[in-house]
Amino acid sequence: MTASPTLLAARAWAAGWATARAAHDAPAVALLYAPEARFFSHPFRSAQSPLEYARSAFAEEDELVECRFGEPIAVDDRAAVEYRAVIRVGSSLRTLAGVTILRFNGQGLAVEHQDYWAMTAGRHEWSSDRSRYAAIVSGNTAPNRTGSTPASSR
């Protein structure tokens, strides 16, 4: 079975982001988007350019420890891509996990980008079934903010 053009574009987008994020290369991120792209880094933020966002995001982290993207889900010209990154800010690790909803043009460039994400202290592993993250916070299995214990301690 041949992959759809949107699936191929989403895979290329994820690979491009992973490479650019590792190098803190904001201009490389911008190349993944059409010039007219509408980029929203969070549901409650205004649109900004991908270049502006990448510069700001990369400036906030001292080191990228890990960055992973899941296999995109693509329908027509739209795709959803799950991601997770572990970053170091000062002496602290933080895990960023989210999903990006994208729309691509005929050239494989993103023309719409909407992120839904959360960030938390510590390193949280991507579970083998990808349906949950198992917490690893210095071996701590204390309840999280919702009162439940991390999946790895159950």
N, C-alpha and C. Protein backbone atom coordinates (compact mmCIF):
# COMPACT_ATOMS: atom_id res chain seq x y z
N MET A 1 0.83 -1.18 0.00
CA MET A 1 0.00 0.00 0.00
C MET A 1 0.88 1.25 0.00
N THR A 2 0.59 2.18 -0.87
CA THR A 2 1.34 3.41 -1.00
C THR A 2 0.84 4.44 0.01
N ALA A 3 1.77 5.11 0.66
CA ALA A 3 1.42 6.16 1.62
C ALA A 3 0.87 7.37 0.88
N SER A 4 -0.10 8.04 1.49
CA SER A 4 -0.69 9.23 0.88
C SER A 4 0.31 10.38 0.90
N PRO A 5 0.14 11.36 0.01
CA PRO A 5 1.03 12.53 0.03
C PRO A 5 1.00 13.25 1.39
N THR A 6 -0.16 13.29 2.03
CA THR A 6 -0.24 13.96 3.34
C THR A 6 0.54 13.19 4.39
N LEU A 7 0.45 11.86 4.38
CA LEU A 7 1.21 11.06 5.33
C LEU A 7 2.71 11.27 5.11
N LEU A 8 3.13 11.29 3.86
CA LEU A 8 4.55 11.52 3.56
C LEU A 8 4.97 12.92 4.01
N ALA A 9 4.11 13.92 3.79
CA ALA A 9 4.43 15.29 4.23
C ALA A 9 4.53 15.36 5.74
N ALA A 10 3.62 14.68 6.44
CA ALA A 10 3.63 14.70 7.92
C ALA A 10 4.87 14.00 8.46
N ARG A 11 5.27 12.89 7.83
CA ARG A 11 6.50 12.22 8.25
C ARG A 11 7.71 13.12 8.04
N ALA A 12 7.75 13.81 6.89
CA ALA A 12 8.86 14.72 6.62
C ALA A 12 8.86 15.89 7.60
N TRP A 13 7.66 16.40 7.92
CA TRP A 13 7.54 17.48 8.89
C TRP A 13 8.10 17.04 10.25
N ALA A 14 7.71 15.85 10.71
CA ALA A 14 8.19 15.35 12.00
C ALA A 14 9.70 15.15 11.99
N ALA A 15 10.23 14.58 10.93
CA ALA A 15 11.69 14.38 10.83
C ALA A 15 12.41 15.72 10.81
N GLY A 16 11.83 16.70 10.10
CA GLY A 16 12.43 18.03 10.04
C GLY A 16 12.45 18.72 11.38
N TRP A 17 11.33 18.61 12.11
CA TRP A 17 11.26 19.20 13.45
C TRP A 17 12.27 18.53 14.38
N ALA A 18 12.36 17.20 14.33
CA ALA A 18 13.28 16.48 15.22
C ALA A 18 14.72 16.92 14.97
N THR A 19 15.10 17.02 13.71
CA THR A 19 16.47 17.44 13.36
C THR A 19 16.71 18.89 13.76
N ALA A 20 15.76 19.76 13.45
CA ALA A 20 15.92 21.18 13.77
C ALA A 20 15.95 21.42 15.27
N ARG A 21 15.09 20.71 16.00
CA ARG A 21 15.05 20.91 17.45
C ARG A 21 16.36 20.47 18.09
N ALA A 22 16.91 19.35 17.63
CA ALA A 22 18.18 18.86 18.19
C ALA A 22 19.31 19.88 17.98
N ALA A 23 19.27 20.60 16.86
CA ALA A 23 20.30 21.58 16.54
C ALA A 23 19.92 22.99 16.98
N HIS A 24 18.72 23.16 17.55
CA HIS A 24 18.19 24.49 17.87
C HIS A 24 18.26 25.40 16.64
N ASP A 25 17.83 24.85 15.50
CA ASP A 25 17.92 25.52 14.20
C ASP A 25 16.54 26.05 13.80
N ALA A 26 16.21 27.25 14.27
CA ALA A 26 14.90 27.85 13.99
C ALA A 26 14.65 28.07 12.49
N PRO A 27 15.64 28.53 11.71
CA PRO A 27 15.39 28.68 10.27
C PRO A 27 15.02 27.36 9.58
N ALA A 28 15.57 26.24 10.06
CA ALA A 28 15.20 24.94 9.48
C ALA A 28 13.74 24.60 9.77
N VAL A 29 13.25 25.00 10.94
CA VAL A 29 11.83 24.81 11.26
C VAL A 29 10.98 25.61 10.27
N ALA A 30 11.35 26.86 10.03
CA ALA A 30 10.57 27.72 9.14
C ALA A 30 10.44 27.13 7.74
N LEU A 31 11.43 26.37 7.30
CA LEU A 31 11.39 25.77 5.96
C LEU A 31 10.33 24.68 5.82
N LEU A 32 9.78 24.21 6.93
CA LEU A 32 8.75 23.17 6.90
C LEU A 32 7.36 23.75 6.64
N TYR A 33 7.26 25.09 6.59
CA TYR A 33 5.98 25.79 6.49
C TYR A 33 5.93 26.67 5.24
N ALA A 34 4.73 26.78 4.67
CA ALA A 34 4.51 27.73 3.59
C ALA A 34 4.59 29.15 4.16
N PRO A 35 4.97 30.13 3.34
CA PRO A 35 5.08 31.51 3.85
C PRO A 35 3.79 32.03 4.49
N GLU A 36 2.64 31.59 4.01
CA GLU A 36 1.36 32.07 4.53
C GLU A 36 0.82 31.22 5.68
N ALA A 37 1.62 30.32 6.21
CA ALA A 37 1.15 29.39 7.24
C ALA A 37 0.59 30.11 8.46
N ARG A 38 -0.48 29.54 8.99
CA ARG A 38 -1.07 30.01 10.27
C ARG A 38 -0.57 29.05 11.34
N PHE A 39 0.22 29.56 12.29
CA PHE A 39 0.90 28.75 13.29
C PHE A 39 0.42 29.16 14.67
N PHE A 40 -0.20 28.21 15.38
CA PHE A 40 -0.66 28.43 16.75
C PHE A 40 0.06 27.43 17.65
N SER A 41 0.89 27.92 18.55
CA SER A 41 1.68 27.04 19.41
C SER A 41 0.90 26.51 20.61
N HIS A 42 -0.30 27.04 20.83
CA HIS A 42 -1.13 26.63 21.96
C HIS A 42 -2.54 27.13 21.68
N PRO A 43 -3.58 26.43 22.16
CA PRO A 43 -4.95 26.87 21.87
C PRO A 43 -5.29 28.27 22.35
N PHE A 44 -4.58 28.77 23.36
CA PHE A 44 -4.90 30.07 23.93
C PHE A 44 -3.88 31.15 23.58
N ARG A 45 -3.10 30.92 22.54
CA ARG A 45 -2.12 31.90 22.09
C ARG A 45 -2.49 32.39 20.70
N SER A 46 -2.04 33.58 20.38
CA SER A 46 -2.26 34.15 19.05
C SER A 46 -1.35 33.49 18.03
N ALA A 47 -1.71 33.65 16.77
CA ALA A 47 -0.87 33.12 15.69
C ALA A 47 0.47 33.84 15.68
N GLN A 48 1.50 33.12 15.26
CA GLN A 48 2.82 33.71 15.11
C GLN A 48 3.52 32.96 13.99
N SER A 49 4.66 33.44 13.58
CA SER A 49 5.40 32.74 12.52
C SER A 49 6.11 31.54 13.13
N PRO A 50 6.26 30.47 12.35
CA PRO A 50 7.02 29.32 12.86
C PRO A 50 8.44 29.70 13.28
N LEU A 51 9.07 30.59 12.53
CA LEU A 51 10.43 31.03 12.88
C LEU A 51 10.46 31.72 14.23
N GLU A 52 9.52 32.63 14.45
CA GLU A 52 9.43 33.35 15.72
C GLU A 52 9.22 32.38 16.88
N TYR A 53 8.31 31.44 16.69
CA TYR A 53 8.04 30.47 17.74
C TYR A 53 9.29 29.63 18.04
N ALA A 54 9.91 29.08 17.00
CA ALA A 54 11.07 28.21 17.21
C ALA A 54 12.20 28.95 17.92
N ARG A 55 12.46 30.18 17.52
CA ARG A 55 13.51 30.97 18.20
C ARG A 55 13.20 31.12 19.68
N SER A 56 11.97 31.44 19.99
CA SER A 56 11.56 31.63 21.38
C SER A 56 11.64 30.32 22.16
N ALA A 57 11.13 29.26 21.60
CA ALA A 57 11.12 27.96 22.29
C ALA A 57 12.54 27.45 22.53
N PHE A 58 13.38 27.54 21.51
CA PHE A 58 14.75 27.04 21.65
C PHE A 58 15.54 27.87 22.66
N ALA A 59 15.25 29.17 22.77
CA ALA A 59 15.95 30.03 23.71
C ALA A 59 15.62 29.68 25.16
N GLU A 60 14.46 29.06 25.38
CA GLU A 60 14.03 28.71 26.75
C GLU A 60 14.67 27.44 27.27
N GLU A 61 15.26 26.64 26.40
CA GLU A 61 15.83 25.37 26.86
C GLU A 61 17.35 25.39 26.74
N ASP A 62 18.00 24.81 27.74
CA ASP A 62 19.45 24.74 27.74
C ASP A 62 19.95 23.55 26.94
N GLU A 63 19.17 22.47 26.93
CA GLU A 63 19.58 21.26 26.22
C GLU A 63 18.35 20.44 25.86
N LEU A 64 18.36 19.89 24.67
CA LEU A 64 17.36 18.91 24.28
C LEU A 64 17.91 17.55 24.65
N VAL A 65 17.25 16.86 25.56
CA VAL A 65 17.70 15.53 26.00
C VAL A 65 17.16 14.47 25.05
N GLU A 66 15.90 14.62 24.65
CA GLU A 66 15.28 13.64 23.77
C GLU A 66 14.10 14.30 23.06
N CYS A 67 13.85 13.85 21.83
CA CYS A 67 12.71 14.34 21.07
C CYS A 67 12.20 13.18 20.21
N ARG A 68 10.92 12.87 20.33
CA ARG A 68 10.32 11.79 19.55
C ARG A 68 8.98 12.22 18.99
N PHE A 69 8.66 11.66 17.83
CA PHE A 69 7.37 11.87 17.19
C PHE A 69 6.75 10.52 16.91
N GLY A 70 5.43 10.44 17.08
CA GLY A 70 4.71 9.22 16.74
C GLY A 70 4.42 9.17 15.25
N GLU A 71 3.92 8.04 14.80
CA GLU A 71 3.52 7.89 13.41
C GLU A 71 2.31 8.79 13.16
N PRO A 72 2.37 9.66 12.15
CA PRO A 72 1.25 10.56 11.87
C PRO A 72 -0.02 9.80 11.49
N ILE A 73 -1.14 10.42 11.77
CA ILE A 73 -2.44 9.96 11.29
C ILE A 73 -2.87 10.99 10.26
N ALA A 74 -3.11 10.56 9.02
CA ALA A 74 -3.39 11.50 7.93
C ALA A 74 -4.70 11.17 7.25
N VAL A 75 -5.49 12.22 6.97
CA VAL A 75 -6.73 12.12 6.23
C VAL A 75 -6.82 13.36 5.33
N ASP A 76 -7.08 13.14 4.04
CA ASP A 76 -7.14 14.24 3.07
C ASP A 76 -5.87 15.08 3.18
N ASP A 77 -5.99 16.38 3.44
CA ASP A 77 -4.80 17.24 3.53
C ASP A 77 -4.39 17.54 4.97
N ARG A 78 -4.97 16.81 5.93
CA ARG A 78 -4.71 17.07 7.35
C ARG A 78 -4.01 15.88 8.00
N ALA A 79 -3.25 16.18 9.05
CA ALA A 79 -2.55 15.14 9.80
C ALA A 79 -2.47 15.51 11.26
N ALA A 80 -2.41 14.51 12.11
CA ALA A 80 -2.18 14.68 13.54
C ALA A 80 -0.89 13.93 13.88
N VAL A 81 -0.03 14.58 14.65
CA VAL A 81 1.27 13.98 15.01
C VAL A 81 1.49 14.16 16.51
N GLU A 82 1.65 13.04 17.20
CA GLU A 82 1.97 13.06 18.63
C GLU A 82 3.48 13.27 18.80
N TYR A 83 3.87 13.99 19.85
CA TYR A 83 5.29 14.21 20.10
C TYR A 83 5.57 14.27 21.59
N ARG A 84 6.85 14.10 21.91
CA ARG A 84 7.32 14.22 23.28
C ARG A 84 8.76 14.67 23.23
N ALA A 85 9.11 15.60 24.10
CA ALA A 85 10.49 16.06 24.21
C ALA A 85 10.84 16.17 25.68
N VAL A 86 12.06 15.84 25.99
CA VAL A 86 12.61 16.05 27.32
C VAL A 86 13.69 17.11 27.17
N ILE A 87 13.54 18.19 27.92
CA ILE A 87 14.49 19.28 27.85
C ILE A 87 15.09 19.55 29.22
N ARG A 88 16.27 20.14 29.19
CA ARG A 88 16.91 20.57 30.44
C ARG A 88 16.87 22.09 30.47
N VAL A 89 16.38 22.61 31.58
CA VAL A 89 16.37 24.05 31.83
C VAL A 89 17.10 24.22 33.16
N GLY A 90 18.29 24.80 33.09
CA GLY A 90 19.12 24.87 34.29
C GLY A 90 19.48 23.45 34.71
N SER A 91 19.20 23.12 35.97
CA SER A 91 19.50 21.76 36.45
C SER A 91 18.27 20.86 36.44
N SER A 92 17.16 21.34 35.90
CA SER A 92 15.91 20.58 35.93
C SER A 92 15.55 20.00 34.57
N LEU A 93 15.00 18.79 34.61
CA LEU A 93 14.43 18.19 33.41
C LEU A 93 12.95 18.50 33.35
N ARG A 94 12.45 18.69 32.14
CA ARG A 94 11.02 18.89 31.91
C ARG A 94 10.61 18.04 30.72
N THR A 95 9.40 17.51 30.79
CA THR A 95 8.86 16.74 29.67
C THR A 95 7.72 17.51 29.04
N LEU A 96 7.81 17.66 27.74
CA LEU A 96 6.78 18.30 26.93
C LEU A 96 6.12 17.20 26.11
N ALA A 97 4.80 17.09 26.19
CA ALA A 97 4.07 16.07 25.42
C ALA A 97 2.87 16.73 24.78
N GLY A 98 2.60 16.36 23.54
CA GLY A 98 1.47 16.97 22.87
C GLY A 98 1.13 16.34 21.54
N VAL A 99 0.20 17.00 20.87
CA VAL A 99 -0.24 16.60 19.53
C VAL A 99 -0.32 17.87 18.69
N THR A 100 0.17 17.78 17.46
CA THR A 100 0.05 18.87 16.51
C THR A 100 -0.94 18.45 15.43
N ILE A 101 -1.89 19.34 15.14
CA ILE A 101 -2.83 19.14 14.04
C ILE A 101 -2.33 20.03 12.90
N LEU A 102 -2.13 19.42 11.73
CA LEU A 102 -1.53 20.12 10.59
C LEU A 102 -2.42 20.03 9.36
N ARG A 103 -2.28 21.02 8.48
CA ARG A 103 -2.85 20.94 7.14
C ARG A 103 -1.72 21.29 6.19
N PHE A 104 -1.60 20.49 5.11
CA PHE A 104 -0.50 20.65 4.15
C PHE A 104 -1.01 21.13 2.80
N ASN A 105 -0.16 21.87 2.09
CA ASN A 105 -0.48 22.26 0.72
C ASN A 105 0.04 21.18 -0.24
N GLY A 106 -0.14 21.38 -1.53
CA GLY A 106 0.27 20.40 -2.54
C GLY A 106 1.77 20.21 -2.64
N GLN A 107 2.55 21.14 -2.09
CA GLN A 107 4.01 21.02 -2.10
C GLN A 107 4.54 20.33 -0.85
N GLY A 108 3.66 19.89 0.04
CA GLY A 108 4.07 19.20 1.25
C GLY A 108 4.49 20.11 2.38
N LEU A 109 4.18 21.40 2.27
CA LEU A 109 4.49 22.35 3.35
C LEU A 109 3.27 22.57 4.22
N ALA A 110 3.50 22.76 5.50
CA ALA A 110 2.39 23.01 6.42
C ALA A 110 1.84 24.41 6.20
N VAL A 111 0.51 24.50 6.09
CA VAL A 111 -0.15 25.81 5.95
C VAL A 111 -0.97 26.15 7.19
N GLU A 112 -1.26 25.15 8.02
CA GLU A 112 -1.92 25.36 9.31
C GLU A 112 -1.25 24.45 10.34
N HIS A 113 -1.05 25.00 11.53
CA HIS A 113 -0.40 24.27 12.62
C HIS A 113 -1.11 24.68 13.90
N GLN A 114 -1.66 23.70 14.61
CA GLN A 114 -2.29 23.95 15.92
C GLN A 114 -1.75 22.91 16.89
N ASP A 115 -1.10 23.39 17.95
CA ASP A 115 -0.56 22.50 18.98
C ASP A 115 -1.50 22.42 20.18
N TYR A 116 -1.53 21.24 20.78
CA TYR A 116 -2.19 20.97 22.06
C TYR A 116 -1.14 20.25 22.89
N TRP A 117 -0.71 20.83 24.01
CA TRP A 117 0.42 20.26 24.74
C TRP A 117 0.33 20.55 26.23
N ALA A 118 1.17 19.83 26.95
CA ALA A 118 1.36 20.05 28.39
C ALA A 118 2.84 19.84 28.70
N MET A 119 3.31 20.52 29.74
CA MET A 119 4.68 20.34 30.19
C MET A 119 4.66 20.07 31.69
N THR A 120 5.55 19.18 32.12
CA THR A 120 5.62 18.85 33.53
C THR A 120 7.07 18.64 33.93
N ALA A 121 7.33 18.76 35.21
CA ALA A 121 8.68 18.57 35.74
C ALA A 121 9.07 17.10 35.65
N GLY A 122 10.35 16.87 35.45
CA GLY A 122 10.88 15.51 35.43
C GLY A 122 10.87 14.91 34.04
N ARG A 123 11.36 13.68 33.99
CA ARG A 123 11.41 12.93 32.73
C ARG A 123 10.30 11.89 32.77
N HIS A 124 9.49 11.87 31.73
CA HIS A 124 8.39 10.92 31.63
C HIS A 124 8.57 10.14 30.34
N GLU A 125 8.70 8.84 30.47
CA GLU A 125 8.96 7.98 29.32
C GLU A 125 7.69 7.74 28.51
N TRP A 126 7.88 7.57 27.23
CA TRP A 126 6.80 7.21 26.31
C TRP A 126 6.59 5.72 26.48
N SER A 127 5.41 5.32 26.91
CA SER A 127 5.17 3.90 27.18
C SER A 127 5.19 3.10 25.90
N SER A 128 5.41 1.80 26.02
CA SER A 128 5.53 0.94 24.85
C SER A 128 4.24 0.87 24.06
N ASP A 129 3.10 1.05 24.70
CA ASP A 129 1.83 1.00 23.95
C ASP A 129 1.40 2.38 23.48
N ARG A 130 2.21 3.42 23.75
CA ARG A 130 1.99 4.80 23.32
C ARG A 130 0.68 5.39 23.80
N SER A 131 -0.07 4.68 24.64
CA SER A 131 -1.32 5.25 25.11
C SER A 131 -1.14 6.01 26.42
N ARG A 132 -0.01 5.82 27.07
CA ARG A 132 0.24 6.48 28.35
C ARG A 132 1.72 6.78 28.48
N TYR A 133 2.05 7.71 29.35
CA TYR A 133 3.43 7.97 29.70
C TYR A 133 3.64 7.45 31.12
N ALA A 134 4.75 6.80 31.33
CA ALA A 134 5.09 6.30 32.66
C ALA A 134 6.08 7.29 33.28
N ALA A 135 5.80 7.72 34.49
CA ALA A 135 6.63 8.75 35.13
C ALA A 135 7.90 8.16 35.70
N ILE A 136 8.99 8.86 35.48
CA ILE A 136 10.26 8.55 36.13
C ILE A 136 10.80 9.89 36.61
N VAL A 137 10.56 10.19 37.86
CA VAL A 137 11.00 11.46 38.45
C VAL A 137 11.88 11.11 39.63
N SER A 138 13.13 10.87 39.36
CA SER A 138 14.10 10.49 40.40
C SER A 138 13.57 9.34 41.25
N GLY A 139 12.89 8.38 40.61
CA GLY A 139 12.37 7.23 41.33
C GLY A 139 11.14 7.53 42.15
N ASN A 140 10.63 8.76 42.10
CA ASN A 140 9.48 9.16 42.90
C ASN A 140 8.20 8.63 42.28
N THR A 141 7.39 7.96 43.08
CA THR A 141 6.10 7.48 42.59
C THR A 141 4.97 8.12 43.37
N ALA A 142 5.23 9.33 43.84
CA ALA A 142 4.19 10.07 44.57
C ALA A 142 3.05 10.43 43.64
N PRO A 143 1.85 10.63 44.19
CA PRO A 143 0.72 11.01 43.34
C PRO A 143 0.99 12.31 42.59
N ASN A 144 0.49 12.39 41.35
CA ASN A 144 0.62 13.62 40.58
C ASN A 144 -0.49 14.59 40.97
N ARG A 145 -0.62 15.71 40.25
CA ARG A 145 -1.60 16.73 40.61
C ARG A 145 -3.04 16.23 40.58
N THR A 146 -3.33 15.20 39.81
CA THR A 146 -4.69 14.70 39.74
C THR A 146 -4.98 13.72 40.86
N GLY A 147 -3.95 13.38 41.65
CA GLY A 147 -4.13 12.45 42.76
C GLY A 147 -3.86 11.01 42.40
N SER A 148 -3.63 10.70 41.11
CA SER A 148 -3.33 9.33 40.73
C SER A 148 -1.83 9.14 40.71
N THR A 149 -1.41 7.91 40.88
CA THR A 149 0.02 7.63 40.84
C THR A 149 0.42 7.35 39.40
N PRO A 150 1.67 7.61 39.05
CA PRO A 150 2.13 7.35 37.69
C PRO A 150 1.90 5.88 37.33
N ALA A 151 1.70 5.63 36.05
CA ALA A 151 1.41 4.27 35.56
C ALA A 151 2.50 3.29 35.93
N SER A 152 3.76 3.74 35.99
CA SER A 152 4.86 2.83 36.27
C SER A 152 4.84 2.32 37.70
N SER A 153 4.10 2.95 38.59
CA SER A 153 4.09 2.51 39.98
C SER A 153 2.85 1.69 40.31
N ARG A 154 1.99 1.46 39.35
CA ARG A 154 0.77 0.68 39.62
C ARG A 154 1.00 -0.79 39.51
